[in-house]
C-alpha atoms as a PDB file:
ATOM      1  CA  UNK A   1     104.653 114.484 100.414  1.00  0.00           C
ATOM      2  CA  UNK A   2     104.871 113.728 103.948  1.00  0.00           C
ATOM      3  CA  UNK A   3     107.687 114.791 106.580  1.00  0.00           C
ATOM      4  CA  UNK A   4     109.645 111.632 106.745  1.00  0.00           C
ATOM      5  CA  UNK A   5     108.970 111.290 102.772  1.00  0.00           C
ATOM      6  CA  UNK A   6     110.754 115.015 102.517  1.00  0.00           C
ATOM      7  CA  UNK A   7     113.625 113.760 105.124  1.00  0.00           C
ATOM      8  CA  UNK A   8     114.323 110.153 103.108  1.00  0.00           C
ATOM      9  CA  UNK A   9     114.240 112.368  99.805  1.00  0.00           C
ATOM     10  CA  UNK A  10     117.006 114.589 101.316  1.00  0.00           C
ATOM     11  CA  UNK A  11     119.226 111.747 102.956  1.00  0.00           C
ATOM     12  CA  UNK A  12     118.741 109.358 100.214  1.00  0.00           C
ATOM     13  CA  UNK A  13     117.264 110.617  96.559  1.00  0.00           C
ATOM     14  CA  UNK A  14     118.692 114.379  96.088  1.00  0.00           C
ATOM     15  CA  UNK A  15     121.923 115.567  95.090  1.00  0.00           C
ATOM     16  CA  UNK A  16     122.694 118.417  97.531  1.00  0.00           C
ATOM     17  CA  UNK A  17     124.728 120.310  95.048  1.00  0.00           C
ATOM     18  CA  UNK A  18     122.668 119.612  91.686  1.00  0.00           C
ATOM     19  CA  UNK A  19     119.349 120.010  93.722  1.00  0.00           C
ATOM     20  CA  UNK A  20     120.495 122.597  96.054  1.00  0.00           C
ATOM     21  CA  UNK A  21     117.972 124.783  95.664  1.00  0.00           C
ATOM     22  CA  UNK A  22     115.266 121.988  95.907  1.00  0.00           C
ATOM     23  CA  UNK A  23     116.889 120.900  98.983  1.00  0.00           C
ATOM     24  CA  UNK A  24     117.143 124.211 100.576  1.00  0.00           C
ATOM     25  CA  UNK A  25     113.364 124.403  99.667  1.00  0.00           C
ATOM     26  CA  UNK A  26     112.641 121.205 101.966  1.00  0.00           C
ATOM     27  CA  UNK A  27     114.957 121.867 105.041  1.00  0.00           C
ATOM     28  CA  UNK A  28     113.299 125.555 105.263  1.00  0.00           C
ATOM     29  CA  UNK A  29     109.815 123.645 105.160  1.00  0.00           C
ATOM     30  CA  UNK A  30     110.996 121.182 107.485  1.00  0.00           C
ATOM     31  CA  UNK A  31     112.560 123.292 109.924  1.00  0.00           C
ATOM     32  CA  UNK A  32     110.111 125.625 109.908  1.00  0.00           C
ATOM     33  CA  UNK A  33     106.525 126.717 111.236  1.00  0.00           C
ATOM     34  CA  UNK A  34     104.210 125.366 108.647  1.00  0.00           C
ATOM     35  CA  UNK A  35     102.459 122.442 108.501  1.00  0.00           C
ATOM     36  CA  UNK A  36     101.918 122.721 104.708  1.00  0.00           C
ATOM     37  CA  UNK A  37     103.542 124.042 101.789  1.00  0.00           C
ATOM     38  CA  UNK A  38     103.916 123.800  98.099  1.00  0.00           C
ATOM     39  CA  UNK A  39     106.751 123.140  95.804  1.00  0.00           C
ATOM     40  CA  UNK A  40     106.069 124.066  92.479  1.00  0.00           C
ATOM     41  CA  UNK A  41     107.741 122.857  88.886  1.00  0.00           C
ATOM     42  CA  UNK A  42     107.358 125.208  86.161  1.00  0.00           C
ATOM     43  CA  UNK A  43     107.597 124.772  82.133  1.00  0.00           C
ATOM     44  CA  UNK A  44     111.295 123.840  81.171  1.00  0.00           C
ATOM     45  CA  UNK A  45     110.382 124.140  77.546  1.00  0.00           C
ATOM     46  CA  UNK A  46     107.949 125.482  74.798  1.00  0.00           C
ATOM     47  CA  UNK A  47     106.208 121.505  75.348  1.00  0.00           C
ATOM     48  CA  UNK A  48     106.100 122.018  79.002  1.00  0.00           C
ATOM     49  CA  UNK A  49     103.979 125.016  78.282  1.00  0.00           C
ATOM     50  CA  UNK A  50     101.107 122.888  77.217  1.00  0.00           C
ATOM     51  CA  UNK A  51     100.845 121.123  80.436  1.00  0.00           C
ATOM     52  CA  UNK A  52     100.559 124.380  82.522  1.00  0.00           C
ATOM     53  CA  UNK A  53      97.848 123.943  85.479  1.00  0.00           C
ATOM     54  CA  UNK A  54      94.526 125.520  84.720  1.00  0.00           C
ATOM     55  CA  UNK A  55      93.481 126.851  88.087  1.00  0.00           C
ATOM     56  CA  UNK A  56      94.985 129.519  90.741  1.00  0.00           C
ATOM     57  CA  UNK A  57      98.325 128.708  91.179  1.00  0.00           C
ATOM     58  CA  UNK A  58     101.488 131.118  91.838  1.00  0.00           C
ATOM     59  CA  UNK A  59     103.325 132.499  88.212  1.00  0.00           C
ATOM     60  CA  UNK A  60     107.168 132.136  88.046  1.00  0.00           C
ATOM     61  CA  UNK A  61     109.042 135.241  86.653  1.00  0.00           C
ATOM     62  CA  UNK A  62     107.907 134.015  82.877  1.00  0.00           C
ATOM     63  CA  UNK A  63     104.720 134.427  83.714  1.00  0.00           C
ATOM     64  CA  UNK A  64     103.978 130.337  83.644  1.00  0.00           C
ATOM     65  CA  UNK A  65     101.885 128.653  85.894  1.00  0.00           C
ATOM     66  CA  UNK A  66     103.772 125.333  87.313  1.00  0.00           C
ATOM     67  CA  UNK A  67     103.050 122.165  85.151  1.00  0.00           C
ATOM     68  CA  UNK A  68     103.152 120.237  88.576  1.00  0.00           C
ATOM     69  CA  UNK A  69     102.368 120.953  92.376  1.00  0.00           C
ATOM     70  CA  UNK A  70     104.012 118.897  95.167  1.00  0.00           C
ATOM     71  CA  UNK A  71     101.842 119.434  98.543  1.00  0.00           C
ATOM     72  CA  UNK A  72     104.543 118.830 101.622  1.00  0.00           C
ATOM     73  CA  UNK A  73     102.612 118.065 105.081  1.00  0.00           C
ATOM     74  CA  UNK A  74     103.256 118.045 108.545  1.00  0.00           C
ATOM     75  CA  UNK A  75     100.008 116.974 109.268  1.00  0.00           C
ATOM     76  CA  UNK A  76     100.852 113.146 109.588  1.00  0.00           C
ATOM     77  CA  UNK A  77     103.290 111.093 109.001  1.00  0.00           C
ATOM     78  CA  UNK A  78     102.103 109.169 105.752  1.00  0.00           C
ATOM     79  CA  UNK A  79      99.221 109.295 103.573  1.00  0.00           C
ATOM     80  CA  UNK A  80      96.432 106.999 105.059  1.00  0.00           C
ATOM     81  CA  UNK A  81      92.720 107.627 104.129  1.00  0.00           C
ATOM     82  CA  UNK A  82      92.039 110.636 106.911  1.00  0.00           C
ATOM     83  CA  UNK A  83      95.082 112.324 105.627  1.00  0.00           C
ATOM     84  CA  UNK A  84      94.081 112.124 102.087  1.00  0.00           C
ATOM     85  CA  UNK A  85      90.695 113.665 103.009  1.00  0.00           C
ATOM     86  CA  UNK A  86      92.166 116.140 104.737  1.00  0.00           C
ATOM     87  CA  UNK A  87      94.739 117.849 102.352  1.00  0.00           C
ATOM     88  CA  UNK A  88      92.158 117.154  99.425  1.00  0.00           C
ATOM     89  CA  UNK A  89      89.818 119.450 101.180  1.00  0.00           C
ATOM     90  CA  UNK A  90      92.928 121.976 101.752  1.00  0.00           C
ATOM     91  CA  UNK A  91      94.097 121.548  98.112  1.00  0.00           C
ATOM     92  CA  UNK A  92      90.782 122.547  97.001  1.00  0.00           C
ATOM     93  CA  UNK A  93      90.397 125.371  98.839  1.00  0.00           C
ATOM     94  CA  UNK A  94      93.902 126.735  98.298  1.00  0.00           C
ATOM     95  CA  UNK A  95      93.937 126.499  94.222  1.00  0.00           C
ATOM     96  CA  UNK A  96      90.553 126.055  93.442  1.00  0.00           C
ATOM     97  CA  UNK A  97      89.161 128.395  96.299  1.00  0.00           C
ATOM     98  CA  UNK A  98      86.028 125.600  96.656  1.00  0.00           C
ATOM     99  CA  UNK A  99      85.102 125.004 100.340  1.00  0.00           C
ATOM    100  CA  UNK A 100      85.082 121.060  99.609  1.00  0.00           C
ATOM    101  CA  UNK A 101      82.709 119.760 102.765  1.00  0.00           C
ATOM    102  CA  UNK A 102      82.932 115.857 101.925  1.00  0.00           C
ATOM    103  CA  UNK A 103      85.579 113.720  99.929  1.00  0.00           C
ATOM    104  CA  UNK A 104      84.663 110.450  98.328  1.00  0.00           C
ATOM    105  CA  UNK A 105      87.579 108.546  97.513  1.00  0.00           C
ATOM    106  CA  UNK A 106      85.271 106.025  94.647  1.00  0.00           C
ATOM    107  CA  UNK A 107      87.791 103.593  93.549  1.00  0.00           C
ATOM    108  CA  UNK A 108      90.638 102.879  96.167  1.00  0.00           C
ATOM    109  CA  UNK A 109      93.509 100.190  94.845  1.00  0.00           C
ATOM    110  CA  UNK A 110      94.498  97.505  96.423  1.00  0.00           C
ATOM    111  CA  UNK A 111      97.950  97.635  98.174  1.00  0.00           C
ATOM    112  CA  UNK A 112      99.095  95.208  95.489  1.00  0.00           C
ATOM    113  CA  UNK A 113      97.845  97.594  92.756  1.00  0.00           C
ATOM    114  CA  UNK A 114      99.684 100.360  94.240  1.00  0.00           C
ATOM    115  CA  UNK A 115     102.845  98.728  94.784  1.00  0.00           C
ATOM    116  CA  UNK A 116     102.470  97.579  90.959  1.00  0.00           C
ATOM    117  CA  UNK A 117     101.895 101.129  89.762  1.00  0.00           C
ATOM    118  CA  UNK A 118     104.683 102.606  92.290  1.00  0.00           C
ATOM    119  CA  UNK A 119     107.115 100.089  90.730  1.00  0.00           C
ATOM    120  CA  UNK A 120     106.032 101.153  87.050  1.00  0.00           C
ATOM    121  CA  UNK A 121     106.129 105.008  87.935  1.00  0.00           C
ATOM    122  CA  UNK A 122     110.234 104.251  89.378  1.00  0.00           C
ATOM    123  CA  UNK A 123     111.191 101.807  86.856  1.00  0.00           C
ATOM    124  CA  UNK A 124     113.226 104.292  84.545  1.00  0.00           C
ATOM    125  CA  UNK A 125     115.138 105.029  88.046  1.00  0.00           C
ATOM    126  CA  UNK A 126     115.966 102.199  89.120  1.00  0.00           C
END
């Protein structure tokens, strides 16, 4: 998520009371000095335990790895091809300990395909 996305999330999508801890994390990142940071979702139940990442990631107090990792970035205002390339290299280094020299995007969806996918993903929330 880019900084404008995080600001929109804070102002329009999150409940400041119910999602207080997540909102505080976002605000700390926005107001802090880091250009990149991560937020983690850890298993909430027995079924989620099966979905933990299998690469390096920080464990929670129960010894579980995350099931999902958000990357937060101030490196660009939106995700374009250049910023995706850059962030993939950073993620590979931070979590897979790999020094990637070249990122090749093999199947780039069209705007229309992306829009349909986005709407499908967020349909339950609308």
